[in-house]
Amino acid sequence: VEEELLDEEMDQDAEAAAPRLRSTITSTKKQKEAQEDDLHEAFAEYGEIKNLHLNLDRRTGFVKGYALLEYGNKKEAQDAIDALN
């Protein structure tokens, strides 16, 4: 499993008007039969997953081999990378 930390994104919270930092990682070398639930289970122990995107091949319907996971902060994302890389 390879993970890579992408740039942090600023997200404006409408109620508190305070920025929240979020970090997204790319997890590569996924088996084509991988399911969202499997990935969520594997990565959830390192922090709350805000978003998980599993890109599918239109022709086959199988996973293209990577997933994007968004954590609430950089520490959670880095913990997942360190543990699963």
N, C-alpha and C. Protein backbone atom coordinates (compact mmCIF):
# COMPACT_ATOMS: atom_id res chain seq x y z
N VAL A 1 0.85 -1.18 0.00
CA VAL A 1 0.00 0.00 0.00
C VAL A 1 0.89 1.23 0.00
N GLU A 2 0.62 2.15 -0.89
CA GLU A 2 1.34 3.42 -0.92
C GLU A 2 0.36 4.54 -0.65
N GLU A 3 0.72 5.43 0.22
CA GLU A 3 -0.11 6.59 0.50
C GLU A 3 0.70 7.84 0.29
N GLU A 4 0.05 8.90 -0.09
CA GLU A 4 0.71 10.16 -0.35
C GLU A 4 -0.15 11.28 0.19
N LEU A 5 0.46 12.20 0.91
CA LEU A 5 -0.26 13.32 1.48
C LEU A 5 -0.37 14.43 0.45
N LEU A 6 -1.60 14.84 0.15
CA LEU A 6 -1.82 15.94 -0.78
C LEU A 6 -1.89 17.24 -0.01
N ASP A 7 -1.97 18.33 -0.72
CA ASP A 7 -2.04 19.65 -0.10
C ASP A 7 -3.24 19.76 0.82
N GLU A 8 -3.07 20.47 1.92
CA GLU A 8 -4.18 20.72 2.82
C GLU A 8 -5.12 21.73 2.18
N GLU A 9 -6.39 21.57 2.48
CA GLU A 9 -7.39 22.45 1.92
C GLU A 9 -8.00 23.29 3.03
N MET A 10 -8.29 24.52 2.72
CA MET A 10 -8.98 25.38 3.67
C MET A 10 -10.48 25.26 3.40
N ASP A 11 -11.24 25.03 4.45
CA ASP A 11 -12.68 24.89 4.31
C ASP A 11 -13.32 25.86 5.29
N GLN A 12 -14.14 26.76 4.81
CA GLN A 12 -14.75 27.78 5.66
C GLN A 12 -16.00 27.23 6.32
N ASP A 13 -16.04 27.22 7.63
CA ASP A 13 -17.19 26.75 8.39
C ASP A 13 -18.19 27.89 8.46
N ALA A 14 -19.37 27.69 7.93
CA ALA A 14 -20.37 28.75 7.84
C ALA A 14 -20.80 29.27 9.21
N GLU A 15 -20.97 28.37 10.18
CA GLU A 15 -21.45 28.80 11.49
C GLU A 15 -20.38 29.51 12.29
N ALA A 16 -19.21 28.95 12.40
CA ALA A 16 -18.16 29.52 13.25
C ALA A 16 -17.29 30.51 12.51
N ALA A 17 -17.38 30.53 11.19
CA ALA A 17 -16.55 31.41 10.36
C ALA A 17 -15.07 31.24 10.67
N ALA A 18 -14.68 30.01 11.02
CA ALA A 18 -13.28 29.70 11.30
C ALA A 18 -12.81 28.65 10.30
N PRO A 19 -11.62 28.80 9.77
CA PRO A 19 -11.14 27.82 8.79
C PRO A 19 -10.83 26.47 9.45
N ARG A 20 -11.10 25.41 8.71
CA ARG A 20 -10.75 24.05 9.16
C ARG A 20 -9.78 23.49 8.14
N LEU A 21 -8.70 22.95 8.63
CA LEU A 21 -7.73 22.33 7.73
C LEU A 21 -8.12 20.87 7.53
N ARG A 22 -8.09 20.44 6.29
CA ARG A 22 -8.35 19.04 5.98
C ARG A 22 -7.20 18.52 5.14
N SER A 23 -6.90 17.26 5.27
CA SER A 23 -5.83 16.65 4.50
C SER A 23 -6.35 15.44 3.76
N THR A 24 -5.93 15.32 2.52
CA THR A 24 -6.35 14.22 1.66
C THR A 24 -5.15 13.36 1.32
N ILE A 25 -5.34 12.05 1.38
CA ILE A 25 -4.27 11.15 0.97
C ILE A 25 -4.75 10.31 -0.21
N THR A 26 -3.81 9.91 -1.03
CA THR A 26 -4.08 9.01 -2.14
C THR A 26 -3.52 7.65 -1.76
N SER A 27 -4.36 6.67 -1.77
CA SER A 27 -3.94 5.30 -1.47
C SER A 27 -3.94 4.53 -2.78
N THR A 28 -2.76 4.04 -3.17
CA THR A 28 -2.63 3.37 -4.46
C THR A 28 -2.47 1.86 -4.31
N LYS A 29 -2.40 1.19 -5.43
CA LYS A 29 -2.24 -0.26 -5.51
C LYS A 29 -3.40 -1.01 -4.85
N LYS A 30 -4.60 -0.54 -5.08
CA LYS A 30 -5.80 -1.20 -4.57
C LYS A 30 -6.22 -2.31 -5.53
N GLN A 31 -6.68 -3.41 -4.98
CA GLN A 31 -7.18 -4.50 -5.82
C GLN A 31 -8.47 -4.07 -6.50
N LYS A 32 -8.70 -4.58 -7.70
CA LYS A 32 -9.87 -4.14 -8.44
C LYS A 32 -11.19 -4.55 -7.79
N GLU A 33 -11.15 -5.50 -6.86
CA GLU A 33 -12.36 -5.92 -6.17
C GLU A 33 -12.58 -5.17 -4.85
N ALA A 34 -11.73 -4.20 -4.54
CA ALA A 34 -11.83 -3.45 -3.28
C ALA A 34 -13.17 -2.74 -3.18
N GLN A 35 -13.68 -2.66 -1.96
CA GLN A 35 -14.96 -1.99 -1.68
C GLN A 35 -14.73 -0.82 -0.74
N GLU A 36 -15.61 0.17 -0.79
CA GLU A 36 -15.50 1.33 0.09
C GLU A 36 -15.48 0.92 1.55
N ASP A 37 -16.33 -0.02 1.92
CA ASP A 37 -16.40 -0.46 3.32
C ASP A 37 -15.06 -1.02 3.79
N ASP A 38 -14.38 -1.77 2.93
CA ASP A 38 -13.09 -2.34 3.29
C ASP A 38 -12.06 -1.24 3.56
N LEU A 39 -12.02 -0.25 2.70
CA LEU A 39 -11.09 0.86 2.87
C LEU A 39 -11.43 1.68 4.10
N HIS A 40 -12.71 1.95 4.27
CA HIS A 40 -13.14 2.74 5.43
C HIS A 40 -12.72 2.03 6.72
N GLU A 41 -12.91 0.74 6.77
CA GLU A 41 -12.54 -0.04 7.96
C GLU A 41 -11.03 0.01 8.21
N ALA A 42 -10.24 -0.11 7.15
CA ALA A 42 -8.79 -0.11 7.30
C ALA A 42 -8.23 1.24 7.72
N PHE A 43 -8.81 2.33 7.23
CA PHE A 43 -8.27 3.66 7.48
C PHE A 43 -8.94 4.40 8.64
N ALA A 44 -10.11 3.97 9.08
CA ALA A 44 -10.87 4.69 10.11
C ALA A 44 -10.19 4.70 11.48
N GLU A 45 -9.35 3.72 11.77
CA GLU A 45 -8.71 3.69 13.09
C GLU A 45 -7.69 4.82 13.28
N TYR A 46 -7.35 5.53 12.22
CA TYR A 46 -6.36 6.61 12.32
C TYR A 46 -7.00 7.99 12.39
N GLY A 47 -8.31 8.04 12.30
CA GLY A 47 -9.03 9.31 12.42
C GLY A 47 -10.35 9.24 11.68
N GLU A 48 -11.13 10.30 11.85
CA GLU A 48 -12.43 10.36 11.20
C GLU A 48 -12.25 10.66 9.71
N ILE A 49 -12.78 9.79 8.87
CA ILE A 49 -12.71 9.99 7.43
C ILE A 49 -13.86 10.89 7.02
N LYS A 50 -13.53 12.05 6.50
CA LYS A 50 -14.55 13.01 6.08
C LYS A 50 -15.12 12.67 4.71
N ASN A 51 -14.27 12.09 3.84
CA ASN A 51 -14.70 11.75 2.49
C ASN A 51 -13.83 10.62 1.97
N LEU A 52 -14.43 9.70 1.23
CA LEU A 52 -13.70 8.59 0.63
C LEU A 52 -14.19 8.45 -0.80
N HIS A 53 -13.26 8.50 -1.75
CA HIS A 53 -13.63 8.36 -3.16
C HIS A 53 -12.85 7.21 -3.77
N LEU A 54 -13.58 6.27 -4.31
CA LEU A 54 -13.01 5.10 -4.95
C LEU A 54 -13.35 5.21 -6.44
N ASN A 55 -12.37 5.52 -7.27
CA ASN A 55 -12.60 5.75 -8.68
C ASN A 55 -12.77 4.42 -9.42
N LEU A 56 -13.87 4.30 -10.17
CA LEU A 56 -14.17 3.07 -10.89
C LEU A 56 -13.94 3.23 -12.38
N ASP A 57 -13.52 2.14 -13.01
CA ASP A 57 -13.38 2.10 -14.46
C ASP A 57 -14.78 1.99 -15.05
N ARG A 58 -15.14 2.88 -15.96
CA ARG A 58 -16.49 2.87 -16.55
C ARG A 58 -16.77 1.59 -17.33
N ARG A 59 -15.77 1.08 -17.99
CA ARG A 59 -15.97 -0.09 -18.85
C ARG A 59 -16.17 -1.36 -18.02
N THR A 60 -15.33 -1.56 -17.01
CA THR A 60 -15.38 -2.81 -16.25
C THR A 60 -16.17 -2.71 -14.95
N GLY A 61 -16.28 -1.50 -14.40
CA GLY A 61 -16.94 -1.33 -13.11
C GLY A 61 -16.04 -1.63 -11.92
N PHE A 62 -14.78 -2.00 -12.20
CA PHE A 62 -13.84 -2.30 -11.13
C PHE A 62 -13.06 -1.04 -10.74
N VAL A 63 -12.47 -1.10 -9.56
CA VAL A 63 -11.65 0.00 -9.05
C VAL A 63 -10.45 0.21 -9.97
N LYS A 64 -10.12 1.48 -10.21
CA LYS A 64 -8.98 1.80 -11.08
C LYS A 64 -7.64 1.56 -10.40
N GLY A 65 -7.62 1.31 -9.11
CA GLY A 65 -6.36 1.00 -8.43
C GLY A 65 -5.96 2.03 -7.39
N TYR A 66 -6.78 3.04 -7.17
CA TYR A 66 -6.45 4.03 -6.15
C TYR A 66 -7.72 4.56 -5.49
N ALA A 67 -7.53 5.15 -4.32
CA ALA A 67 -8.63 5.76 -3.59
C ALA A 67 -8.15 7.08 -3.01
N LEU A 68 -9.05 8.03 -2.84
CA LEU A 68 -8.77 9.31 -2.19
C LEU A 68 -9.51 9.32 -0.86
N LEU A 69 -8.78 9.58 0.22
CA LEU A 69 -9.39 9.64 1.55
C LEU A 69 -9.08 10.99 2.16
N GLU A 70 -10.10 11.63 2.69
CA GLU A 70 -9.94 12.94 3.31
C GLU A 70 -10.14 12.81 4.82
N TYR A 71 -9.14 13.29 5.56
CA TYR A 71 -9.21 13.32 7.02
C TYR A 71 -9.44 14.76 7.47
N GLY A 72 -9.86 14.91 8.70
CA GLY A 72 -10.13 16.23 9.26
C GLY A 72 -8.89 17.06 9.49
N ASN A 73 -7.73 16.42 9.64
CA ASN A 73 -6.50 17.19 9.85
C ASN A 73 -5.28 16.41 9.36
N LYS A 74 -4.18 17.10 9.29
CA LYS A 74 -2.95 16.52 8.75
C LYS A 74 -2.40 15.40 9.62
N LYS A 75 -2.53 15.51 10.94
CA LYS A 75 -1.99 14.49 11.84
C LYS A 75 -2.65 13.13 11.59
N GLU A 76 -3.97 13.12 11.45
CA GLU A 76 -4.67 11.87 11.19
C GLU A 76 -4.23 11.26 9.86
N ALA A 77 -4.11 12.10 8.86
CA ALA A 77 -3.66 11.61 7.54
C ALA A 77 -2.25 11.06 7.63
N GLN A 78 -1.37 11.76 8.33
CA GLN A 78 0.02 11.32 8.45
C GLN A 78 0.11 10.02 9.25
N ASP A 79 -0.73 9.88 10.29
CA ASP A 79 -0.76 8.64 11.07
C ASP A 79 -1.15 7.44 10.18
N ALA A 80 -2.13 7.64 9.31
CA ALA A 80 -2.55 6.57 8.41
C ALA A 80 -1.42 6.21 7.45
N ILE A 81 -0.75 7.21 6.91
CA ILE A 81 0.37 6.98 6.00
C ILE A 81 1.48 6.20 6.70
N ASP A 82 1.85 6.67 7.89
CA ASP A 82 2.94 6.02 8.62
C ASP A 82 2.62 4.56 8.96
N ALA A 83 1.37 4.29 9.32
CA ALA A 83 1.00 2.94 9.73
C ALA A 83 0.81 1.99 8.54
N LEU A 84 0.31 2.50 7.44
CA LEU A 84 -0.07 1.61 6.34
C LEU A 84 0.91 1.62 5.16
N ASN A 85 1.87 2.49 5.17
CA ASN A 85 2.80 2.58 4.06
C ASN A 85 3.84 1.48 4.12
